[in-house]
Amino acid sequence: MQGVLFIIGLQELGKGKIQLSKNEKLDVLHIAICTLLSPYGYYEYEGLDKDGWPHWKTSEKLPPLKPEQQQVIIKQAIIEYFKSMDVQP
């Protein structure tokens, strides 16, 4: 699933093929999570920083979830993401 999240994060970053540091790769995963959970009201898009990286703010506190529950929400959000793009996963 991390691979799918990474691809979504890269798509949302929109910078094409670039070299990323380890920390930037983690940031790409964060971009994916924020993008996926925004429609559920957990994050609100703020805009791009001076380097063109997107930023979100937490708009609703996530409820405490077990890892299995987190996986279900993320998988559901991934499916909805691809549906909104009219692309089949």
PDB file of N, CA and C in Angstrom:
ATOM      1  N   MET A   1       0.821  -1.190   0.000  1.00  0.00           N
ATOM      2  CA  MET A   1       0.000   0.000   0.000  1.00  0.00           C
ATOM      3  C   MET A   1       0.869   1.260   0.000  1.00  0.00           C
ATOM      4  N   GLN A   2       2.055   1.174   0.592  1.00  0.00           N
ATOM      5  CA  GLN A   2       2.925   2.351   0.603  1.00  0.00           C
ATOM      6  C   GLN A   2       3.295   2.790  -0.804  1.00  0.00           C
ATOM      7  N   GLY A   3       3.443   1.823  -1.703  1.00  0.00           N
ATOM      8  CA  GLY A   3       3.750   2.164  -3.094  1.00  0.00           C
ATOM      9  C   GLY A   3       2.638   2.969  -3.739  1.00  0.00           C
ATOM     10  N   VAL A   4       1.402   2.574  -3.492  1.00  0.00           N
ATOM     11  CA  VAL A   4       0.249   3.299  -4.035  1.00  0.00           C
ATOM     12  C   VAL A   4       0.200   4.699  -3.427  1.00  0.00           C
ATOM     13  N   LEU A   5       0.414   4.793  -2.117  1.00  0.00           N
ATOM     14  CA  LEU A   5       0.425   6.100  -1.462  1.00  0.00           C
ATOM     15  C   LEU A   5       1.524   6.997  -2.040  1.00  0.00           C
ATOM     16  N   PHE A   6       2.671   6.406  -2.304  1.00  0.00           N
ATOM     17  CA  PHE A   6       3.789   7.177  -2.854  1.00  0.00           C
ATOM     18  C   PHE A   6       3.426   7.714  -4.240  1.00  0.00           C
ATOM     19  N   ILE A   7       2.804   6.889  -5.057  1.00  0.00           N
ATOM     20  CA  ILE A   7       2.402   7.313  -6.408  1.00  0.00           C
ATOM     21  C   ILE A   7       1.366   8.438  -6.326  1.00  0.00           C
ATOM     22  N   ILE A   8       0.402   8.293  -5.431  1.00  0.00           N
ATOM     23  CA  ILE A   8      -0.606   9.345  -5.251  1.00  0.00           C
ATOM     24  C   ILE A   8       0.068  10.641  -4.798  1.00  0.00           C
ATOM     25  N   GLY A   9       0.987  10.528  -3.848  1.00  0.00           N
ATOM     26  CA  GLY A   9       1.706  11.707  -3.372  1.00  0.00           C
ATOM     27  C   GLY A   9       2.498  12.387  -4.473  1.00  0.00           C
ATOM     28  N   LEU A  10       3.163  11.604  -5.302  1.00  0.00           N
ATOM     29  CA  LEU A  10       3.914  12.177  -6.423  1.00  0.00           C
ATOM     30  C   LEU A  10       2.976  12.867  -7.409  1.00  0.00           C
ATOM     31  N   GLN A  11       1.844  12.223  -7.679  1.00  0.00           N
ATOM     32  CA  GLN A  11       0.852  12.809  -8.586  1.00  0.00           C
ATOM     33  C   GLN A  11       0.377  14.162  -8.056  1.00  0.00           C
ATOM     34  N   GLU A  12       0.082  14.211  -6.770  1.00  0.00           N
ATOM     35  CA  GLU A  12      -0.417  15.444  -6.169  1.00  0.00           C
ATOM     36  C   GLU A  12       0.677  16.509  -6.051  1.00  0.00           C
ATOM     37  N   LEU A  13       1.920  16.077  -5.883  1.00  0.00           N
ATOM     38  CA  LEU A  13       3.035  17.019  -5.827  1.00  0.00           C
ATOM     39  C   LEU A  13       3.214  17.696  -7.185  1.00  0.00           C
ATOM     40  N   GLY A  14       3.066  16.911  -8.253  1.00  0.00           N
ATOM     41  CA  GLY A  14       3.073  17.464  -9.599  1.00  0.00           C
ATOM     42  C   GLY A  14       4.398  18.016 -10.085  1.00  0.00           C
ATOM     43  N   LYS A  15       5.496  17.476  -9.610  1.00  0.00           N
ATOM     44  CA  LYS A  15       6.804  17.986 -10.018  1.00  0.00           C
ATOM     45  C   LYS A  15       7.488  17.114 -11.066  1.00  0.00           C
ATOM     46  N   GLY A  16       6.844  16.042 -11.502  1.00  0.00           N
ATOM     47  CA  GLY A  16       7.478  15.159 -12.474  1.00  0.00           C
ATOM     48  C   GLY A  16       8.575  14.333 -11.830  1.00  0.00           C
ATOM     49  N   LYS A  17       9.516  13.889 -12.647  1.00  0.00           N
ATOM     50  CA  LYS A  17      10.602  13.044 -12.157  1.00  0.00           C
ATOM     51  C   LYS A  17      11.678  13.917 -11.506  1.00  0.00           C
ATOM     52  N   ILE A  18      11.820  13.761 -10.184  1.00  0.00           N
ATOM     53  CA  ILE A  18      12.828  14.518  -9.446  1.00  0.00           C
ATOM     54  C   ILE A  18      13.503  13.594  -8.436  1.00  0.00           C
ATOM     55  N   GLN A  19      14.690  13.980  -8.018  1.00  0.00           N
ATOM     56  CA  GLN A  19      15.388  13.263  -6.958  1.00  0.00           C
ATOM     57  C   GLN A  19      14.820  13.727  -5.624  1.00  0.00           C
ATOM     58  N   LEU A  20      14.537  12.772  -4.749  1.00  0.00           N
ATOM     59  CA  LEU A  20      13.985  13.104  -3.443  1.00  0.00           C
ATOM     60  C   LEU A  20      14.866  12.551  -2.336  1.00  0.00           C
ATOM     61  N   SER A  21      15.040  13.330  -1.292  1.00  0.00           N
ATOM     62  CA  SER A  21      15.750  12.842  -0.110  1.00  0.00           C
ATOM     63  C   SER A  21      14.816  11.905   0.659  1.00  0.00           C
ATOM     64  N   LYS A  22      15.354  11.242   1.664  1.00  0.00           N
ATOM     65  CA  LYS A  22      14.539  10.342   2.487  1.00  0.00           C
ATOM     66  C   LYS A  22      13.391  11.113   3.146  1.00  0.00           C
ATOM     67  N   ASN A  23      13.695  12.300   3.680  1.00  0.00           N
ATOM     68  CA  ASN A  23      12.660  13.121   4.316  1.00  0.00           C
ATOM     69  C   ASN A  23      11.613  13.581   3.314  1.00  0.00           C
ATOM     70  N   GLU A  24      12.038  13.931   2.106  1.00  0.00           N
ATOM     71  CA  GLU A  24      11.088  14.345   1.071  1.00  0.00           C
ATOM     72  C   GLU A  24      10.180  13.184   0.665  1.00  0.00           C
ATOM     73  N   LYS A  25      10.711  11.971   0.658  1.00  0.00           N
ATOM     74  CA  LYS A  25       9.883  10.800   0.349  1.00  0.00           C
ATOM     75  C   LYS A  25       8.802  10.619   1.417  1.00  0.00           C
ATOM     76  N   LEU A  26       9.160  10.855   2.664  1.00  0.00           N
ATOM     77  CA  LEU A  26       8.165  10.802   3.743  1.00  0.00           C
ATOM     78  C   LEU A  26       7.128  11.913   3.562  1.00  0.00           C
ATOM     79  N   ASP A  27       7.590  13.073   3.127  1.00  0.00           N
ATOM     80  CA  ASP A  27       6.669  14.183   2.860  1.00  0.00           C
ATOM     81  C   ASP A  27       5.692  13.826   1.734  1.00  0.00           C
ATOM     82  N   VAL A  28       6.174  13.097   0.723  1.00  0.00           N
ATOM     83  CA  VAL A  28       5.306  12.664  -0.382  1.00  0.00           C
ATOM     84  C   VAL A  28       4.219  11.734   0.149  1.00  0.00           C
ATOM     85  N   LEU A  29       4.573  10.838   1.066  1.00  0.00           N
ATOM     86  CA  LEU A  29       3.564   9.969   1.678  1.00  0.00           C
ATOM     87  C   LEU A  29       2.551  10.799   2.473  1.00  0.00           C
ATOM     88  N   HIS A  30       3.035  11.830   3.155  1.00  0.00           N
ATOM     89  CA  HIS A  30       2.155  12.722   3.914  1.00  0.00           C
ATOM     90  C   HIS A  30       1.194  13.463   2.974  1.00  0.00           C
ATOM     91  N   ILE A  31       1.696  13.885   1.822  1.00  0.00           N
ATOM     92  CA  ILE A  31       0.851  14.538   0.817  1.00  0.00           C
ATOM     93  C   ILE A  31      -0.282  13.604   0.419  1.00  0.00           C
ATOM     94  N   ALA A  32       0.052  12.333   0.197  1.00  0.00           N
ATOM     95  CA  ALA A  32      -0.972  11.354  -0.194  1.00  0.00           C
ATOM     96  C   ALA A  32      -2.024  11.192   0.896  1.00  0.00           C
ATOM     97  N   ILE A  33      -1.590  11.036   2.129  1.00  0.00           N
ATOM     98  CA  ILE A  33      -2.534  10.842   3.237  1.00  0.00           C
ATOM     99  C   ILE A  33      -3.443  12.055   3.379  1.00  0.00           C
ATOM    100  N   CYS A  34      -2.871  13.249   3.338  1.00  0.00           N
ATOM    101  CA  CYS A  34      -3.683  14.463   3.462  1.00  0.00           C
ATOM    102  C   CYS A  34      -4.667  14.583   2.303  1.00  0.00           C
ATOM    103  N   THR A  35      -4.208  14.290   1.107  1.00  0.00           N
ATOM    104  CA  THR A  35      -5.084  14.336  -0.070  1.00  0.00           C
ATOM    105  C   THR A  35      -6.234  13.355   0.081  1.00  0.00           C
ATOM    106  N   LEU A  36      -5.919  12.142   0.517  1.00  0.00           N
ATOM    107  CA  LEU A  36      -6.942  11.099   0.638  1.00  0.00           C
ATOM    108  C   LEU A  36      -7.944  11.388   1.747  1.00  0.00           C
ATOM    109  N   LEU A  37      -7.490  11.987   2.842  1.00  0.00           N
ATOM    110  CA  LEU A  37      -8.381  12.209   3.979  1.00  0.00           C
ATOM    111  C   LEU A  37      -9.072  13.579   3.969  1.00  0.00           C
ATOM    112  N   SER A  38      -8.689  14.440   3.032  1.00  0.00           N
ATOM    113  CA  SER A  38      -9.348  15.747   2.917  1.00  0.00           C
ATOM    114  C   SER A  38     -10.850  15.626   2.655  1.00  0.00           C
ATOM    115  N   PRO A  39     -11.285  14.759   1.740  1.00  0.00           N
ATOM    116  CA  PRO A  39     -12.736  14.652   1.499  1.00  0.00           C
ATOM    117  C   PRO A  39     -13.522  14.179   2.727  1.00  0.00           C
ATOM    118  N   TYR A  40     -12.848  13.547   3.675  1.00  0.00           N
ATOM    119  CA  TYR A  40     -13.499  13.075   4.895  1.00  0.00           C
ATOM    120  C   TYR A  40     -13.516  14.150   5.984  1.00  0.00           C
ATOM    121  N   GLY A  41     -12.921  15.310   5.689  1.00  0.00           N
ATOM    122  CA  GLY A  41     -12.947  16.422   6.626  1.00  0.00           C
ATOM    123  C   GLY A  41     -11.825  16.443   7.646  1.00  0.00           C
ATOM    124  N   TYR A  42     -10.839  15.563   7.506  1.00  0.00           N
ATOM    125  CA  TYR A  42      -9.758  15.512   8.490  1.00  0.00           C
ATOM    126  C   TYR A  42      -8.649  16.527   8.213  1.00  0.00           C
ATOM    127  N   TYR A  43      -8.484  16.906   6.947  1.00  0.00           N
ATOM    128  CA  TYR A  43      -7.464  17.889   6.576  1.00  0.00           C
ATOM    129  C   TYR A  43      -8.074  18.919   5.648  1.00  0.00           C
ATOM    130  N   GLU A  44      -7.535  20.137   5.719  1.00  0.00           N
ATOM    131  CA  GLU A  44      -7.972  21.216   4.845  1.00  0.00           C
ATOM    132  C   GLU A  44      -6.751  21.751   4.106  1.00  0.00           C
ATOM    133  N   TYR A  45      -6.850  21.798   2.793  1.00  0.00           N
ATOM    134  CA  TYR A  45      -5.745  22.265   1.960  1.00  0.00           C
ATOM    135  C   TYR A  45      -5.500  23.742   2.214  1.00  0.00           C
ATOM    136  N   GLU A  46      -4.236  24.103   2.450  1.00  0.00           N
ATOM    137  CA  GLU A  46      -3.868  25.499   2.697  1.00  0.00           C
ATOM    138  C   GLU A  46      -3.257  26.169   1.479  1.00  0.00           C
ATOM    139  N   GLY A  47      -2.546  25.406   0.668  1.00  0.00           N
ATOM    140  CA  GLY A  47      -1.888  25.972  -0.505  1.00  0.00           C
ATOM    141  C   GLY A  47      -0.460  25.474  -0.631  1.00  0.00           C
ATOM    142  N   LEU A  48       0.254  26.078  -1.560  1.00  0.00           N
ATOM    143  CA  LEU A  48       1.638  25.684  -1.833  1.00  0.00           C
ATOM    144  C   LEU A  48       2.604  26.604  -1.105  1.00  0.00           C
ATOM    145  N   ASP A  49       3.732  26.034  -0.683  1.00  0.00           N
ATOM    146  CA  ASP A  49       4.777  26.868  -0.093  1.00  0.00           C
ATOM    147  C   ASP A  49       5.629  27.465  -1.207  1.00  0.00           C
ATOM    148  N   LYS A  50       6.672  28.204  -0.851  1.00  0.00           N
ATOM    149  CA  LYS A  50       7.503  28.884  -1.850  1.00  0.00           C
ATOM    150  C   LYS A  50       8.232  27.919  -2.785  1.00  0.00           C
ATOM    151  N   ASP A  51       8.383  26.642  -2.347  1.00  0.00           N
ATOM    152  CA  ASP A  51       9.046  25.636  -3.171  1.00  0.00           C
ATOM    153  C   ASP A  51       8.057  24.800  -3.980  1.00  0.00           C
ATOM    154  N   GLY A  52       6.774  25.131  -3.871  1.00  0.00           N
ATOM    155  CA  GLY A  52       5.765  24.417  -4.635  1.00  0.00           C
ATOM    156  C   GLY A  52       5.250  23.140  -3.998  1.00  0.00           C
ATOM    157  N   TRP A  53       5.495  22.957  -2.708  1.00  0.00           N
ATOM    158  CA  TRP A  53       5.008  21.783  -1.998  1.00  0.00           C
ATOM    159  C   TRP A  53       3.673  22.123  -1.336  1.00  0.00           C
ATOM    160  N   PRO A  54       2.671  21.246  -1.492  1.00  0.00           N
ATOM    161  CA  PRO A  54       1.360  21.509  -0.893  1.00  0.00           C
ATOM    162  C   PRO A  54       1.373  21.316   0.621  1.00  0.00           C
ATOM    163  N   HIS A  55       0.499  22.069   1.293  1.00  0.00           N
ATOM    164  CA  HIS A  55       0.376  21.978   2.746  1.00  0.00           C
ATOM    165  C   HIS A  55      -1.097  21.933   3.144  1.00  0.00           C
ATOM    166  N   TRP A  56      -1.363  21.205   4.217  1.00  0.00           N
ATOM    167  CA  TRP A  56      -2.708  21.082   4.778  1.00  0.00           C
ATOM    168  C   TRP A  56      -2.657  21.412   6.255  1.00  0.00           C
ATOM    169  N   LYS A  57      -3.816  21.740   6.787  1.00  0.00           N
ATOM    170  CA  LYS A  57      -3.923  21.863   8.235  1.00  0.00           C
ATOM    171  C   LYS A  57      -4.964  20.851   8.691  1.00  0.00           C
ATOM    172  N   THR A  58      -4.808  20.404   9.906  1.00  0.00           N
ATOM    173  CA  THR A  58      -5.764  19.454  10.475  1.00  0.00           C
ATOM    174  C   THR A  58      -7.048  20.212  10.760  1.00  0.00           C
ATOM    175  N   SER A  59      -8.148  19.720  10.198  1.00  0.00           N
ATOM    176  CA  SER A  59      -9.408  20.419  10.417  1.00  0.00           C
ATOM    177  C   SER A  59     -10.314  19.685  11.398  1.00  0.00           C
ATOM    178  N   GLU A  60     -10.048  18.429  11.609  1.00  0.00           N
ATOM    179  CA  GLU A  60     -10.821  17.643  12.568  1.00  0.00           C
ATOM    180  C   GLU A  60      -9.882  16.590  13.145  1.00  0.00           C
ATOM    181  N   LYS A  61      -9.902  16.433  14.430  1.00  0.00           N
ATOM    182  CA  LYS A  61      -9.020  15.456  15.049  1.00  0.00           C
ATOM    183  C   LYS A  61      -9.440  14.037  14.649  1.00  0.00           C
ATOM    184  N   LEU A  62      -8.456  13.293  14.196  1.00  0.00           N
ATOM    185  CA  LEU A  62      -8.723  11.899  13.842  1.00  0.00           C
ATOM    186  C   LEU A  62      -9.055  11.109  15.097  1.00  0.00           C
ATOM    187  N   PRO A  63     -10.064  10.268  15.027  1.00  0.00           N
ATOM    188  CA  PRO A  63     -10.375   9.446  16.198  1.00  0.00           C
ATOM    189  C   PRO A  63      -9.271   8.412  16.409  1.00  0.00           C
ATOM    190  N   PRO A  64      -9.089   7.950  17.641  1.00  0.00           N
ATOM    191  CA  PRO A  64      -8.084   6.906  17.871  1.00  0.00           C
ATOM    192  C   PRO A  64      -8.532   5.622  17.160  1.00  0.00           C
ATOM    193  N   LEU A  65      -7.683   5.147  16.267  1.00  0.00           N
ATOM    194  CA  LEU A  65      -8.005   3.963  15.481  1.00  0.00           C
ATOM    195  C   LEU A  65      -6.920   2.911  15.625  1.00  0.00           C
ATOM    196  N   LYS A  66      -7.330   1.667  15.593  1.00  0.00           N
ATOM    197  CA  LYS A  66      -6.382   0.565  15.556  1.00  0.00           C
ATOM    198  C   LYS A  66      -5.774   0.524  14.153  1.00  0.00           C
ATOM    199  N   PRO A  67      -4.574  -0.053  14.015  1.00  0.00           N
ATOM    200  CA  PRO A  67      -3.930  -0.116  12.693  1.00  0.00           C
ATOM    201  C   PRO A  67      -4.827  -0.725  11.612  1.00  0.00           C
ATOM    202  N   GLU A  68      -5.600  -1.746  11.972  1.00  0.00           N
ATOM    203  CA  GLU A  68      -6.482  -2.380  10.982  1.00  0.00           C
ATOM    204  C   GLU A  68      -7.557  -1.394  10.516  1.00  0.00           C
ATOM    205  N   GLN A  69      -8.064  -0.594  11.436  1.00  0.00           N
ATOM    206  CA  GLN A  69      -9.084   0.395  11.098  1.00  0.00           C
ATOM    207  C   GLN A  69      -8.491   1.496  10.210  1.00  0.00           C
ATOM    208  N   GLN A  70      -7.253   1.889  10.510  1.00  0.00           N
ATOM    209  CA  GLN A  70      -6.572   2.883   9.689  1.00  0.00           C
ATOM    210  C   GLN A  70      -6.425   2.374   8.258  1.00  0.00           C
ATOM    211  N   GLN A  71      -6.046   1.102   8.138  1.00  0.00           N
ATOM    212  CA  GLN A  71      -5.862   0.501   6.817  1.00  0.00           C
ATOM    213  C   GLN A  71      -7.169   0.519   6.023  1.00  0.00           C
ATOM    214  N   VAL A  72      -8.274   0.220   6.680  1.00  0.00           N
ATOM    215  CA  VAL A  72      -9.576   0.192   6.009  1.00  0.00           C
ATOM    216  C   VAL A  72      -9.931   1.586   5.488  1.00  0.00           C
ATOM    217  N   ILE A  73      -9.747   2.605   6.313  1.00  0.00           N
ATOM    218  CA  ILE A  73     -10.071   3.973   5.896  1.00  0.00           C
ATOM    219  C   ILE A  73      -9.183   4.397   4.729  1.00  0.00           C
ATOM    220  N   ILE A  74      -7.899   4.110   4.812  1.00  0.00           N
ATOM    221  CA  ILE A  74      -6.976   4.492   3.740  1.00  0.00           C
ATOM    222  C   ILE A  74      -7.331   3.755   2.453  1.00  0.00           C
ATOM    223  N   LYS A  75      -7.607   2.463   2.535  1.00  0.00           N
ATOM    224  CA  LYS A  75      -7.981   1.707   1.330  1.00  0.00           C
ATOM    225  C   LYS A  75      -9.253   2.268   0.714  1.00  0.00           C
ATOM    226  N   GLN A  76     -10.224   2.574   1.539  1.00  0.00           N
ATOM    227  CA  GLN A  76     -11.478   3.153   1.055  1.00  0.00           C
ATOM    228  C   GLN A  76     -11.207   4.507   0.374  1.00  0.00           C
ATOM    229  N   ALA A  77     -10.359   5.304   0.983  1.00  0.00           N
ATOM    230  CA  ALA A  77     -10.021   6.614   0.428  1.00  0.00           C
ATOM    231  C   ALA A  77      -9.268   6.482  -0.899  1.00  0.00           C
ATOM    232  N   ILE A  78      -8.403   5.479  -1.019  1.00  0.00           N
ATOM    233  CA  ILE A  78      -7.677   5.240  -2.273  1.00  0.00           C
ATOM    234  C   ILE A  78      -8.668   4.902  -3.385  1.00  0.00           C
ATOM    235  N   ILE A  79      -9.616   4.041  -3.090  1.00  0.00           N
ATOM    236  CA  ILE A  79     -10.632   3.666  -4.084  1.00  0.00           C
ATOM    237  C   ILE A  79     -11.410   4.904  -4.522  1.00  0.00           C
ATOM    238  N   GLU A  80     -11.821   5.727  -3.565  1.00  0.00           N
ATOM    239  CA  GLU A  80     -12.561   6.946  -3.893  1.00  0.00           C
ATOM    240  C   GLU A  80     -11.697   7.915  -4.703  1.00  0.00           C
ATOM    241  N   TYR A  81     -10.413   7.991  -4.389  1.00  0.00           N
ATOM    242  CA  TYR A  81      -9.492   8.859  -5.124  1.00  0.00           C
ATOM    243  C   TYR A  81      -9.457   8.457  -6.592  1.00  0.00           C
ATOM    244  N   PHE A  82      -9.291   7.166  -6.847  1.00  0.00           N
ATOM    245  CA  PHE A  82      -9.215   6.715  -8.235  1.00  0.00           C
ATOM    246  C   PHE A  82     -10.562   6.830  -8.941  1.00  0.00           C
ATOM    247  N   LYS A  83     -11.646   6.634  -8.213  1.00  0.00           N
ATOM    248  CA  LYS A  83     -12.973   6.821  -8.808  1.00  0.00           C
ATOM    249  C   LYS A  83     -13.160   8.274  -9.232  1.00  0.00           C
ATOM    250  N   SER A  84     -12.693   9.193  -8.406  1.00  0.00           N
ATOM    251  CA  SER A  84     -12.853  10.611  -8.727  1.00  0.00           C
ATOM    252  C   SER A  84     -12.030  11.008  -9.949  1.00  0.00           C
ATOM    253  N   MET A  85     -10.997  10.236 -10.218  1.00  0.00           N
ATOM    254  CA  MET A  85     -10.175  10.496 -11.398  1.00  0.00           C
ATOM    255  C   MET A  85     -10.692   9.733 -12.610  1.00  0.00           C
ATOM    256  N   ASP A  86     -11.738   8.955 -12.392  1.00  0.00           N
ATOM    257  CA  ASP A  86     -12.314   8.095 -13.426  1.00  0.00           C
ATOM    258  C   ASP A  86     -11.266   7.097 -13.940  1.00  0.00           C
ATOM    259  N   VAL A  87     -10.448   6.605 -13.001  1.00  0.00           N
ATOM    260  CA  VAL A  87      -9.418   5.625 -13.296  1.00  0.00           C
ATOM    261  C   VAL A  87      -9.662   4.418 -12.419  1.00  0.00           C
ATOM    262  N   GLN A  88      -9.522   3.243 -12.967  1.00  0.00           N
ATOM    263  CA  GLN A  88      -9.694   2.033 -12.184  1.00  0.00           C
ATOM    264  C   GLN A  88      -8.373   1.637 -11.528  1.00  0.00           C
ATOM    265  N   PRO A  89      -8.381   1.350 -10.210  1.00  0.00           N
ATOM    266  CA  PRO A  89      -7.131   0.972  -9.525  1.00  0.00           C
ATOM    267  C   PRO A  89      -6.629  -0.386  -9.980  1.00  0.00           C
TER     268      PRO A  89
END
